[in-house]
Every structure is written in C-alpha cells, then in structure tokens.
Amino acid sequence: MSHPVHKVTAFEIAGPYRLRVKFADGLAREIDFRQVLEGELYGPLRDPGVFNAVSLDGEAHTLVWPNGADFDPATLHDWPEREAELAALAKRWAASASSGERAG
C-alpha cells in the first residue's frame, strides 16, 4: 500500500506561532502551532524568537527549528485531521513536564 509523499516547498511567517506552508502538490495552508508547543522539544518554540527561527530543510522537505524540533511533512500537509491528536499529546507533554518539575 503506497501513500503520498508530501514535501514542503516554501513557508512564511503569518503571525504569532502561525506559518503559511506550501507543498509540492500545490496545497497551501496556514497552520497555528500554538496548541502543540509543549514538552521538551516543542516547548522552547513558545519563545517567539525561537519559533521565528524556523527554516526549510531542503533534504527532508520539512520545517525545522534550531533546537532540533521538526514536523513530518505529511503531518503538516494533513494538519486539520491531525491537530486535535497533536494538541492532546501536547497536553500530556505539559502535564509530564509539570509533574517532573514538582518531583525535582
């Protein structure tokens, strides 16, 4: 069973924690990342300076940040279908980080 391989071809900052992303298949979508910026990897992106340091990895064809955070291009392409799942994961990451801080 094959599935489409999605590639990010361009992006622009559209607002706080928002990117307008273009894909090789012609799709363009604006993504609000605010709900998923939690946890060890994505939490640092809540700093606007870090979030806005996003770049396009030409080899992986996706968005990457200097701290190593990235998203699978298929996830970005299908964001409306994946956003609720990712937001739920982010809540768990935040809860885990909070309990770790209390324990430490």
C-alpha atoms as a PDB file:
ATOM      1  CA  MET A   1       0.000   0.000   0.000  1.00  0.00           C
ATOM      2  CA  SER A   2       1.523   3.283  -1.052  1.00  0.00           C
ATOM      3  CA  HIS A   3       0.805   6.678   0.368  1.00  0.00           C
ATOM      4  CA  PRO A   4       1.638  10.119  -0.976  1.00  0.00           C
ATOM      5  CA  VAL A   5       4.957  11.623  -0.007  1.00  0.00           C
ATOM      6  CA  HIS A   6       4.415  15.258   0.897  1.00  0.00           C
ATOM      7  CA  LYS A   7       7.139  17.868   0.597  1.00  0.00           C
ATOM      8  CA  VAL A   8       7.184  21.386   1.979  1.00  0.00           C
ATOM      9  CA  THR A   9       8.437  23.743  -0.730  1.00  0.00           C
ATOM     10  CA  ALA A  10       8.089  27.140   0.966  1.00  0.00           C
ATOM     11  CA  PHE A  11       6.771  28.883   4.054  1.00  0.00           C
ATOM     12  CA  GLU A  12       6.298  32.328   5.515  1.00  0.00           C
ATOM     13  CA  ILE A  13       5.558  33.597   8.985  1.00  0.00           C
ATOM     14  CA  ALA A  14       1.873  34.538   9.068  1.00  0.00           C
ATOM     15  CA  GLY A  15       1.612  35.740  12.670  1.00  0.00           C
ATOM     16  CA  PRO A  16       2.453  34.682  16.210  1.00  0.00           C
ATOM     17  CA  TYR A  17       3.030  30.913  16.105  1.00  0.00           C
ATOM     18  CA  ARG A  18       1.445  30.772  12.649  1.00  0.00           C
ATOM     19  CA  LEU A  19       3.086  29.724   9.393  1.00  0.00           C
ATOM     20  CA  ARG A  20       1.756  29.706   5.849  1.00  0.00           C
ATOM     21  CA  VAL A  21       3.124  26.486   4.359  1.00  0.00           C
ATOM     22  CA  LYS A  22       3.236  25.479   0.679  1.00  0.00           C
ATOM     23  CA  PHE A  23       3.570  21.906  -0.548  1.00  0.00           C
ATOM     24  CA  ALA A  24       4.831  20.301  -3.755  1.00  0.00           C
ATOM     25  CA  ASP A  25       1.299  19.150  -4.668  1.00  0.00           C
ATOM     26  CA  GLY A  26       0.117  22.787  -4.780  1.00  0.00           C
ATOM     27  CA  LEU A  27      -1.627  22.834  -1.405  1.00  0.00           C
ATOM     28  CA  ALA A  28      -1.052  25.905   0.745  1.00  0.00           C
ATOM     29  CA  ARG A  29      -2.274  26.047   4.320  1.00  0.00           C
ATOM     30  CA  GLU A  30      -1.905  28.333   7.295  1.00  0.00           C
ATOM     31  CA  ILE A  31      -1.032  26.432  10.470  1.00  0.00           C
ATOM     32  CA  ASP A  32      -1.405  27.727  14.015  1.00  0.00           C
ATOM     33  CA  PHE A  33       1.108  25.804  16.133  1.00  0.00           C
ATOM     34  CA  ARG A  34       0.159  27.399  19.476  1.00  0.00           C
ATOM     35  CA  GLN A  35      -1.709  24.338  20.843  1.00  0.00           C
ATOM     36  CA  VAL A  36       1.189  21.937  20.254  1.00  0.00           C
ATOM     37  CA  LEU A  37       4.086  23.961  21.674  1.00  0.00           C
ATOM     38  CA  GLU A  38       4.627  21.929  24.826  1.00  0.00           C
ATOM     39  CA  GLY A  39       7.169  19.477  26.126  1.00  0.00           C
ATOM     40  CA  GLU A  40      10.919  19.277  25.947  1.00  0.00           C
ATOM     41  CA  LEU A  41      11.183  19.502  22.160  1.00  0.00           C
ATOM     42  CA  TYR A  42       8.365  21.867  21.182  1.00  0.00           C
ATOM     43  CA  GLY A  43       8.054  23.932  24.392  1.00  0.00           C
ATOM     44  CA  PRO A  44      11.055  26.149  23.553  1.00  0.00           C
ATOM     45  CA  LEU A  45       9.198  27.271  20.417  1.00  0.00           C
ATOM     46  CA  ARG A  46       6.838  29.304  22.631  1.00  0.00           C
ATOM     47  CA  ASP A  47       9.650  31.878  22.637  1.00  0.00           C
ATOM     48  CA  PRO A  48       8.776  33.965  19.549  1.00  0.00           C
ATOM     49  CA  GLY A  49      12.447  34.402  18.679  1.00  0.00           C
ATOM     50  CA  VAL A  50      12.959  30.641  18.629  1.00  0.00           C
ATOM     51  CA  PHE A  51       9.709  29.978  16.748  1.00  0.00           C
ATOM     52  CA  ASN A  52      10.560  32.568  14.102  1.00  0.00           C
ATOM     53  CA  ALA A  53      13.985  30.952  13.550  1.00  0.00           C
ATOM     54  CA  VAL A  54      12.208  28.218  11.569  1.00  0.00           C
ATOM     55  CA  SER A  55      13.801  27.154   8.301  1.00  0.00           C
ATOM     56  CA  LEU A  56      13.138  24.767   5.443  1.00  0.00           C
ATOM     57  CA  ASP A  57      15.240  21.615   5.413  1.00  0.00           C
ATOM     58  CA  GLY A  58      15.760  21.001   1.707  1.00  0.00           C
ATOM     59  CA  GLU A  59      16.787  17.400   2.242  1.00  0.00           C
ATOM     60  CA  ALA A  60      13.886  16.330   4.479  1.00  0.00           C
ATOM     61  CA  HIS A  61      11.454  18.769   2.793  1.00  0.00           C
ATOM     62  CA  THR A  62      10.012  19.971   6.078  1.00  0.00           C
ATOM     63  CA  LEU A  63      10.182  22.769   8.616  1.00  0.00           C
ATOM     64  CA  VAL A  64      12.935  22.631  11.232  1.00  0.00           C
ATOM     65  CA  TRP A  65      13.997  24.763  14.174  1.00  0.00           C
ATOM     66  CA  PRO A  66      17.498  25.330  15.585  1.00  0.00           C
ATOM     67  CA  ASN A  67      16.731  23.226  18.688  1.00  0.00           C
ATOM     68  CA  GLY A  68      16.058  20.147  16.519  1.00  0.00           C
ATOM     69  CA  ALA A  69      12.262  20.372  16.535  1.00  0.00           C
ATOM     70  CA  ASP A  70      10.528  19.464  13.295  1.00  0.00           C
ATOM     71  CA  PHE A  71       7.266  18.039  11.995  1.00  0.00           C
ATOM     72  CA  ASP A  72       6.753  15.264   9.473  1.00  0.00           C
ATOM     73  CA  PRO A  73       5.723  16.951   6.208  1.00  0.00           C
ATOM     74  CA  ALA A  74       2.706  14.608   5.972  1.00  0.00           C
ATOM     75  CA  THR A  75       1.561  15.845   9.394  1.00  0.00           C
ATOM     76  CA  LEU A  76       1.831  19.448   8.212  1.00  0.00           C
ATOM     77  CA  HIS A  77       0.022  18.631   4.964  1.00  0.00           C
ATOM     78  CA  ASP A  78      -2.832  16.922   6.811  1.00  0.00           C
ATOM     79  CA  TRP A  79      -2.842  19.343   9.783  1.00  0.00           C
ATOM     80  CA  PRO A  80      -6.645  19.754  10.076  1.00  0.00           C
ATOM     81  CA  GLU A  81      -7.005  15.987  10.516  1.00  0.00           C
ATOM     82  CA  ARG A  82      -4.043  15.728  12.912  1.00  0.00           C
ATOM     83  CA  GLU A  83      -4.312  18.911  15.003  1.00  0.00           C
ATOM     84  CA  ALA A  84      -6.616  17.534  17.736  1.00  0.00           C
ATOM     85  CA  GLU A  85      -4.406  14.461  18.202  1.00  0.00           C
ATOM     86  CA  LEU A  86      -1.272  16.607  18.437  1.00  0.00           C
ATOM     87  CA  ALA A  87      -2.923  19.037  20.866  1.00  0.00           C
ATOM     88  CA  ALA A  88      -3.884  16.096  23.117  1.00  0.00           C
ATOM     89  CA  LEU A  89      -0.287  14.838  23.012  1.00  0.00           C
ATOM     90  CA  ALA A  90       0.975  18.328  23.858  1.00  0.00           C
ATOM     91  CA  LYS A  91      -1.277  18.425  26.937  1.00  0.00           C
ATOM     92  CA  ARG A  92       0.262  15.149  28.085  1.00  0.00           C
ATOM     93  CA  TRP A  93       3.765  16.508  27.472  1.00  0.00           C
ATOM     94  CA  ALA A  94       2.913  19.610  29.510  1.00  0.00           C
ATOM     95  CA  ALA A  95       1.455  17.528  32.349  1.00  0.00           C
ATOM     96  CA  SER A  96       4.509  15.274  32.337  1.00  0.00           C
ATOM     97  CA  ALA A  97       6.841  18.273  32.462  1.00  0.00           C
ATOM     98  CA  SER A  98       4.820  19.799  35.323  1.00  0.00           C
ATOM     99  CA  SER A  99       4.920  16.621  37.390  1.00  0.00           C
ATOM    100  CA  GLY A 100       8.653  16.300  36.726  1.00  0.00           C
ATOM    101  CA  GLU A 101       9.223  19.844  37.974  1.00  0.00           C
ATOM    102  CA  ARG A 102       7.281  19.123  41.170  1.00  0.00           C
ATOM    103  CA  ALA A 103       9.242  15.910  41.759  1.00  0.00           C
ATOM    104  CA  GLY A 104      12.578  17.671  41.267  1.00  0.00           C
END
